[in-house]
PDB file of N, CA and C in Angstrom:
ATOM      1  N   MET A   1       0.843  -1.152   0.164  1.00  0.00           N
ATOM      2  CA  MET A   1      -0.029   0.009   0.257  1.00  0.00           C
ATOM      3  C   MET A   1       0.810   1.136  -0.021  1.00  0.00           C
ATOM      4  N   SER A   2       0.540   2.138  -0.833  1.00  0.00           N
ATOM      5  CA  SER A   2       1.440   3.423  -0.990  1.00  0.00           C
ATOM      6  C   SER A   2       0.899   4.343  -0.020  1.00  0.00           C
ATOM      7  N   ASP A   3       2.011   5.318   0.395  1.00  0.00           N
ATOM      8  CA  ASP A   3       1.595   6.409   1.175  1.00  0.00           C
ATOM      9  C   ASP A   3       0.210   7.201   0.743  1.00  0.00           C
ATOM     10  N   ASN A   4       0.314   7.405  -0.566  1.00  0.00           N
ATOM     11  CA  ASN A   4      -1.016   8.008  -1.021  1.00  0.00           C
ATOM     12  C   ASN A   4      -2.343   7.539  -0.793  1.00  0.00           C
ATOM     13  N   GLN A   5      -2.170   6.031  -1.050  1.00  0.00           N
ATOM     14  CA  GLN A   5      -3.450   5.332  -0.367  1.00  0.00           C
ATOM     15  C   GLN A   5      -3.815   5.474   1.023  1.00  0.00           C
ATOM     16  N   VAL A   6      -2.790   5.525   2.078  1.00  0.00           N
ATOM     17  CA  VAL A   6      -3.100   5.729   3.421  1.00  0.00           C
ATOM     18  C   VAL A   6      -3.777   7.010   3.529  1.00  0.00           C
ATOM     19  N   GLN A   7      -3.151   7.980   2.892  1.00  0.00           N
ATOM     20  CA  GLN A   7      -3.459   9.450   3.140  1.00  0.00           C
ATOM     21  C   GLN A   7      -4.708   9.568   2.568  1.00  0.00           C
ATOM     22  N   ALA A   8      -5.336   8.977   1.604  1.00  0.00           N
ATOM     23  CA  ALA A   8      -6.565   9.175   1.072  1.00  0.00           C
ATOM     24  C   ALA A   8      -7.731   9.064   1.927  1.00  0.00           C
ATOM     25  N   GLN A   9      -7.838   8.261   2.990  1.00  0.00           N
ATOM     26  CA  GLN A   9      -8.882   8.282   3.690  1.00  0.00           C
ATOM     27  C   GLN A   9      -8.275   8.277   5.469  1.00  0.00           C
ATOM     28  N   PRO A  10      -7.641   9.450   5.799  1.00  0.00           N
ATOM     29  CA  PRO A  10      -7.054   9.205   7.013  1.00  0.00           C
ATOM     30  C   PRO A  10      -8.052   9.254   8.309  1.00  0.00           C
ATOM     31  N   ASN A  11      -9.234   9.619   8.215  1.00  0.00           N
ATOM     32  CA  ASN A  11     -10.274   9.608   9.087  1.00  0.00           C
ATOM     33  C   ASN A  11     -11.304   8.493   8.791  1.00  0.00           C
ATOM     34  N   ASN A  12     -11.042   7.458   8.097  1.00  0.00           N
ATOM     35  CA  ASN A  12     -11.721   6.446   8.036  1.00  0.00           C
ATOM     36  C   ASN A  12     -11.403   5.144   8.723  1.00  0.00           C
ATOM     37  N   PRO A  13     -12.183   4.801   9.857  1.00  0.00           N
ATOM     38  CA  PRO A  13     -11.710   3.817  10.726  1.00  0.00           C
ATOM     39  C   PRO A  13     -11.819   2.414   9.799  1.00  0.00           C
ATOM     40  N   LEU A  14     -12.706   2.516   8.914  1.00  0.00           N
ATOM     41  CA  LEU A  14     -12.759   1.278   8.032  1.00  0.00           C
ATOM     42  C   LEU A  14     -11.780   0.913   7.149  1.00  0.00           C
ATOM     43  N   HIS A  15     -11.040   1.816   6.818  1.00  0.00           N
ATOM     44  CA  HIS A  15     -10.030   2.065   5.593  1.00  0.00           C
ATOM     45  C   HIS A  15      -9.036   0.611   6.021  1.00  0.00           C
ATOM     46  N   GLY A  16      -9.053  -0.194   4.953  1.00  0.00           N
ATOM     47  CA  GLY A  16      -8.147  -1.314   4.922  1.00  0.00           C
ATOM     48  C   GLY A  16      -8.863  -2.502   5.724  1.00  0.00           C
ATOM     49  N   ILE A  17      -9.813  -2.476   6.064  1.00  0.00           N
ATOM     50  CA  ILE A  17     -10.624  -3.572   6.942  1.00  0.00           C
ATOM     51  C   ILE A  17     -11.714  -4.199   5.852  1.00  0.00           C
ATOM     52  N   THR A  18     -11.776  -5.218   5.629  1.00  0.00           N
ATOM     53  CA  THR A  18     -12.359  -6.233   4.864  1.00  0.00           C
ATOM     54  C   THR A  18     -13.954  -6.151   5.555  1.00  0.00           C
ATOM     55  N   LEU A  19     -15.049  -6.331   4.633  1.00  0.00           N
ATOM     56  CA  LEU A  19     -16.250  -6.825   5.208  1.00  0.00           C
ATOM     57  C   LEU A  19     -16.218  -7.871   5.832  1.00  0.00           C
ATOM     58  N   GLU A  20     -15.575  -8.956   5.422  1.00  0.00           N
ATOM     59  CA  GLU A  20     -15.488 -10.332   6.217  1.00  0.00           C
ATOM     60  C   GLU A  20     -14.939  -9.968   7.765  1.00  0.00           C
ATOM     61  N   LYS A  21     -13.847  -9.246   7.775  1.00  0.00           N
ATOM     62  CA  LYS A  21     -13.147  -9.173   9.018  1.00  0.00           C
ATOM     63  C   LYS A  21     -14.431  -8.352  10.064  1.00  0.00           C
ATOM     64  N   VAL A  22     -15.180  -7.529   9.460  1.00  0.00           N
ATOM     65  CA  VAL A  22     -15.974  -6.858   9.876  1.00  0.00           C
ATOM     66  C   VAL A  22     -17.402  -7.607  10.692  1.00  0.00           C
ATOM     67  N   VAL A  23     -17.704  -8.549   9.964  1.00  0.00           N
ATOM     68  CA  VAL A  23     -18.693  -9.276  10.199  1.00  0.00           C
ATOM     69  C   VAL A  23     -18.126 -10.412  11.285  1.00  0.00           C
ATOM     70  N   THR A  24     -16.856 -10.942  10.980  1.00  0.00           N
ATOM     71  CA  THR A  24     -16.298 -11.939  11.835  1.00  0.00           C
ATOM     72  C   THR A  24     -16.240 -11.429  13.289  1.00  0.00           C
ATOM     73  N   GLN A  25     -15.794 -10.190  13.430  1.00  0.00           N
ATOM     74  CA  GLN A  25     -15.499  -9.574  14.820  1.00  0.00           C
ATOM     75  C   GLN A  25     -16.568  -9.287  15.451  1.00  0.00           C
ATOM     76  N   LEU A  26     -17.725  -8.774  14.609  1.00  0.00           N
ATOM     77  CA  LEU A  26     -18.870  -8.705  15.308  1.00  0.00           C
ATOM     78  C   LEU A  26     -19.568  -9.815  15.704  1.00  0.00           C
ATOM     79  N   VAL A  27     -19.335 -10.745  15.062  1.00  0.00           N
ATOM     80  CA  VAL A  27     -19.889 -12.373  15.496  1.00  0.00           C
ATOM     81  C   VAL A  27     -19.240 -12.753  16.734  1.00  0.00           C
ATOM     82  N   GLU A  28     -17.904 -12.727  16.765  1.00  0.00           N
ATOM     83  CA  GLU A  28     -17.149 -13.080  17.640  1.00  0.00           C
ATOM     84  C   GLU A  28     -17.289 -12.113  19.197  1.00  0.00           C
ATOM     85  N   HIS A  29     -17.748 -10.879  18.914  1.00  0.00           N
ATOM     86  CA  HIS A  29     -18.159  -9.982  20.072  1.00  0.00           C
ATOM     87  C   HIS A  29     -19.645 -10.282  20.773  1.00  0.00           C
ATOM     88  N   TYR A  30     -20.447 -10.180  19.586  1.00  0.00           N
ATOM     89  CA  TYR A  30     -21.904 -10.287  20.030  1.00  0.00           C
ATOM     90  C   TYR A  30     -22.409 -11.646  20.000  1.00  0.00           C
ATOM     91  N   GLY A  31     -22.030 -12.443  18.956  1.00  0.00           N
ATOM     92  CA  GLY A  31     -22.716 -13.812  18.880  1.00  0.00           C
ATOM     93  C   GLY A  31     -23.868 -13.483  17.838  1.00  0.00           C
ATOM     94  N   TRP A  32     -24.174 -14.278  17.080  1.00  0.00           N
ATOM     95  CA  TRP A  32     -25.448 -14.293  16.120  1.00  0.00           C
ATOM     96  C   TRP A  32     -26.497 -13.766  16.712  1.00  0.00           C
ATOM     97  N   ARG A  33     -27.086 -14.279  17.709  1.00  0.00           N
ATOM     98  CA  ARG A  33     -28.335 -13.956  18.525  1.00  0.00           C
ATOM     99  C   ARG A  33     -28.424 -12.408  18.503  1.00  0.00           C
ATOM    100  N   GLU A  34     -27.507 -11.816  19.426  1.00  0.00           N
ATOM    101  CA  GLU A  34     -27.642 -10.593  19.714  1.00  0.00           C
ATOM    102  C   GLU A  34     -27.252  -9.562  18.552  1.00  0.00           C
ATOM    103  N   LEU A  35     -26.247 -10.141  17.634  1.00  0.00           N
ATOM    104  CA  LEU A  35     -26.314  -9.423  16.265  1.00  0.00           C
ATOM    105  C   LEU A  35     -27.492  -9.190  15.533  1.00  0.00           C
ATOM    106  N   GLY A  36     -28.351 -10.310  15.664  1.00  0.00           N
ATOM    107  CA  GLY A  36     -29.518 -10.301  14.789  1.00  0.00           C
ATOM    108  C   GLY A  36     -30.488  -9.329  15.826  1.00  0.00           C
ATOM    109  N   GLU A  37     -30.420  -9.251  16.996  1.00  0.00           N
ATOM    110  CA  GLU A  37     -31.193  -8.257  17.693  1.00  0.00           C
ATOM    111  C   GLU A  37     -30.823  -6.872  17.435  1.00  0.00           C
ATOM    112  N   ARG A  38     -29.542  -6.566  17.479  1.00  0.00           N
ATOM    113  CA  ARG A  38     -29.216  -5.207  17.044  1.00  0.00           C
ATOM    114  C   ARG A  38     -29.400  -4.886  15.643  1.00  0.00           C
ATOM    115  N   ILE A  39     -29.339  -5.790  14.631  1.00  0.00           N
ATOM    116  CA  ILE A  39     -29.444  -5.330  13.314  1.00  0.00           C
ATOM    117  C   ILE A  39     -30.455  -6.631  12.744  1.00  0.00           C
ATOM    118  N   ASN A  40     -31.732  -6.203  12.516  1.00  0.00           N
ATOM    119  CA  ASN A  40     -32.647  -7.383  12.295  1.00  0.00           C
ATOM    120  C   ASN A  40     -32.737  -7.450  11.031  1.00  0.00           C
ATOM    121  N   ILE A  41     -31.741  -8.303  10.539  1.00  0.00           N
ATOM    122  CA  ILE A  41     -31.853  -8.830   9.145  1.00  0.00           C
ATOM    123  C   ILE A  41     -31.627 -10.306   8.949  1.00  0.00           C
ATOM    124  N   ARG A  42     -32.468 -10.918   7.986  1.00  0.00           N
ATOM    125  CA  ARG A  42     -32.624 -12.550   7.888  1.00  0.00           C
ATOM    126  C   ARG A  42     -31.279 -13.139   7.866  1.00  0.00           C
ATOM    127  N   CYS A  43     -30.161 -12.522   7.407  1.00  0.00           N
ATOM    128  CA  CYS A  43     -28.847 -13.230   7.325  1.00  0.00           C
ATOM    129  C   CYS A  43     -28.344 -13.502   8.501  1.00  0.00           C
ATOM    130  N   PHE A  44     -28.659 -12.712   9.622  1.00  0.00           N
ATOM    131  CA  PHE A  44     -28.330 -12.816  11.146  1.00  0.00           C
ATOM    132  C   PHE A  44     -29.127 -13.727  11.929  1.00  0.00           C
ATOM    133  N   ASN A  45     -30.371 -13.714  11.626  1.00  0.00           N
ATOM    134  CA  ASN A  45     -31.336 -14.455  12.328  1.00  0.00           C
ATOM    135  C   ASN A  45     -31.809 -15.791  12.042  1.00  0.00           C
ATOM    136  N   SER A  46     -31.616 -15.989  10.616  1.00  0.00           N
ATOM    137  CA  SER A  46     -32.212 -17.285  10.175  1.00  0.00           C
ATOM    138  C   SER A  46     -31.202 -17.834   9.553  1.00  0.00           C
ATOM    139  N   ASP A  47     -30.422 -19.192  10.120  1.00  0.00           N
ATOM    140  CA  ASP A  47     -29.523 -20.159   9.674  1.00  0.00           C
ATOM    141  C   ASP A  47     -28.362 -19.146   9.364  1.00  0.00           C
ATOM    142  N   PRO A  48     -27.665 -18.441  10.217  1.00  0.00           N
ATOM    143  CA  PRO A  48     -26.727 -17.313   9.809  1.00  0.00           C
ATOM    144  C   PRO A  48     -25.360 -17.934   9.520  1.00  0.00           C
ATOM    145  N   SER A  49     -24.607 -17.428   8.876  1.00  0.00           N
ATOM    146  CA  SER A  49     -23.377 -17.914   8.403  1.00  0.00           C
ATOM    147  C   SER A  49     -22.698 -16.550   8.013  1.00  0.00           C
ATOM    148  N   ILE A  50     -21.316 -16.675   7.851  1.00  0.00           N
ATOM    149  CA  ILE A  50     -20.320 -15.521   7.681  1.00  0.00           C
ATOM    150  C   ILE A  50     -20.581 -15.281   6.078  1.00  0.00           C
ATOM    151  N   LYS A  51     -20.557 -16.506   5.428  1.00  0.00           N
ATOM    152  CA  LYS A  51     -20.711 -16.596   3.831  1.00  0.00           C
ATOM    153  C   LYS A  51     -21.985 -16.057   3.209  1.00  0.00           C
ATOM    154  N   SER A  52     -23.059 -16.547   4.225  1.00  0.00           N
ATOM    155  CA  SER A  52     -24.615 -16.003   3.566  1.00  0.00           C
ATOM    156  C   SER A  52     -24.711 -14.454   3.975  1.00  0.00           C
ATOM    157  N   SER A  53     -24.040 -14.112   4.874  1.00  0.00           N
ATOM    158  CA  SER A  53     -23.896 -12.600   5.535  1.00  0.00           C
ATOM    159  C   SER A  53     -23.325 -11.674   4.498  1.00  0.00           C
ATOM    160  N   LEU A  54     -22.047 -12.090   4.204  1.00  0.00           N
ATOM    161  CA  LEU A  54     -21.081 -11.514   2.986  1.00  0.00           C
ATOM    162  C   LEU A  54     -21.993 -11.270   1.863  1.00  0.00           C
ATOM    163  N   LYS A  55     -22.735 -12.164   1.251  1.00  0.00           N
ATOM    164  CA  LYS A  55     -23.197 -12.078   0.140  1.00  0.00           C
ATOM    165  C   LYS A  55     -24.280 -11.216   0.094  1.00  0.00           C
ATOM    166  N   PHE A  56     -25.284 -11.196   1.228  1.00  0.00           N
ATOM    167  CA  PHE A  56     -26.354 -10.028   1.368  1.00  0.00           C
ATOM    168  C   PHE A  56     -25.851  -8.890   1.642  1.00  0.00           C
ATOM    169  N   LEU A  57     -24.777  -8.617   2.346  1.00  0.00           N
ATOM    170  CA  LEU A  57     -24.423  -7.231   2.644  1.00  0.00           C
ATOM    171  C   LEU A  57     -23.506  -6.674   1.391  1.00  0.00           C
ATOM    172  N   ARG A  58     -22.925  -7.427   0.651  1.00  0.00           N
ATOM    173  CA  ARG A  58     -22.528  -6.830  -0.590  1.00  0.00           C
ATOM    174  C   ARG A  58     -23.374  -6.319  -1.564  1.00  0.00           C
ATOM    175  N   LYS A  59     -24.685  -6.859  -1.566  1.00  0.00           N
ATOM    176  CA  LYS A  59     -25.594  -6.343  -2.667  1.00  0.00           C
ATOM    177  C   LYS A  59     -26.619  -5.443  -2.016  1.00  0.00           C
ATOM    178  N   THR A  60     -26.748  -5.307  -0.407  1.00  0.00           N
ATOM    179  CA  THR A  60     -27.578  -4.436   0.187  1.00  0.00           C
ATOM    180  C   THR A  60     -26.952  -3.363   0.986  1.00  0.00           C
ATOM    181  N   ASP A  61     -26.857  -1.858   0.516  1.00  0.00           N
ATOM    182  CA  ASP A  61     -26.345  -0.982   0.787  1.00  0.00           C
ATOM    183  C   ASP A  61     -26.707  -0.467   2.220  1.00  0.00           C
ATOM    184  N   TRP A  62     -28.007  -0.497   2.540  1.00  0.00           N
ATOM    185  CA  TRP A  62     -28.506   0.001   3.731  1.00  0.00           C
ATOM    186  C   TRP A  62     -27.914  -0.835   4.859  1.00  0.00           C
ATOM    187  N   ALA A  63     -28.054  -2.315   4.744  1.00  0.00           N
ATOM    188  CA  ALA A  63     -27.691  -3.184   5.607  1.00  0.00           C
ATOM    189  C   ALA A  63     -26.107  -3.140   6.017  1.00  0.00           C
ATOM    190  N   ARG A  64     -25.399  -3.059   4.889  1.00  0.00           N
ATOM    191  CA  ARG A  64     -24.042  -3.059   5.094  1.00  0.00           C
ATOM    192  C   ARG A  64     -23.590  -1.477   5.908  1.00  0.00           C
ATOM    193  N   LYS A  65     -24.217  -0.551   5.579  1.00  0.00           N
ATOM    194  CA  LYS A  65     -24.021   0.774   6.540  1.00  0.00           C
ATOM    195  C   LYS A  65     -24.396   0.510   8.026  1.00  0.00           C
ATOM    196  N   LYS A  66     -25.604  -0.405   8.036  1.00  0.00           N
ATOM    197  CA  LYS A  66     -25.802  -0.448   9.505  1.00  0.00           C
ATOM    198  C   LYS A  66     -24.727  -1.437  10.259  1.00  0.00           C
ATOM    199  N   VAL A  67     -24.336  -2.226   9.578  1.00  0.00           N
ATOM    200  CA  VAL A  67     -22.998  -3.249  10.015  1.00  0.00           C
ATOM    201  C   VAL A  67     -21.953  -2.513  10.375  1.00  0.00           C
ATOM    202  N   GLU A  68     -21.506  -1.797   9.407  1.00  0.00           N
ATOM    203  CA  GLU A  68     -20.233  -0.913   9.572  1.00  0.00           C
ATOM    204  C   GLU A  68     -20.305   0.250  10.566  1.00  0.00           C
ATOM    205  N   GLU A  69     -21.566   0.732  10.769  1.00  0.00           N
ATOM    206  CA  GLU A  69     -21.954   1.790  12.082  1.00  0.00           C
ATOM    207  C   GLU A  69     -21.664   0.996  13.434  1.00  0.00           C
ATOM    208  N   LEU A  70     -22.295  -0.218  13.513  1.00  0.00           N
ATOM    209  CA  LEU A  70     -22.255  -0.937  14.509  1.00  0.00           C
ATOM    210  C   LEU A  70     -20.845  -1.366  14.879  1.00  0.00           C
ATOM    211  N   PHE A  71     -20.059  -1.804  14.059  1.00  0.00           N
ATOM    212  CA  PHE A  71     -18.671  -2.020  14.043  1.00  0.00           C
ATOM    213  C   PHE A  71     -17.611  -0.799  14.546  1.00  0.00           C
ATOM    214  N   ILE A  72     -18.055   0.211  14.084  1.00  0.00           N
ATOM    215  CA  ILE A  72     -17.409   1.442  14.634  1.00  0.00           C
ATOM    216  C   ILE A  72     -17.849   1.769  15.909  1.00  0.00           C
ATOM    217  N   ASP A  73     -19.204   1.984  16.038  1.00  0.00           N
ATOM    218  CA  ASP A  73     -19.682   1.956  17.553  1.00  0.00           C
ATOM    219  C   ASP A  73     -18.943   1.192  18.626  1.00  0.00           C
ATOM    220  N   THR A  74     -18.794  -0.141  18.020  1.00  0.00           N
ATOM    221  CA  THR A  74     -18.320  -1.352  19.133  1.00  0.00           C
ATOM    222  C   THR A  74     -16.786  -1.028  19.290  1.00  0.00           C
ATOM    223  N   PHE A  75     -16.201  -0.800  18.305  1.00  0.00           N
ATOM    224  CA  PHE A  75     -14.518  -1.058  18.439  1.00  0.00           C
ATOM    225  C   PHE A  75     -13.869   0.147  18.464  1.00  0.00           C
ATOM    226  N   TYR A  76     -14.535   1.500  18.133  1.00  0.00           N
ATOM    227  CA  TYR A  76     -13.852   2.868  17.853  1.00  0.00           C
ATOM    228  C   TYR A  76     -14.271   3.672  18.980  1.00  0.00           C
TER     229      TYR A  76
END
């Protein structure tokens, strides 16, 4: 990663963090049940998995935004 890439988003706490890492850390911290209560989406409440969650979140901007906001609120 070049210095220009790092400087492009100096105030973005998600810069360089994959969506998979975001979901994985939230699941490890809250568990699927509490995560599904905090963000009521089917991929967290009905037969949840990292793979199915990533597939849904990559296609659904509003849900991804909620997950990213929870990650920032939780870990930053």
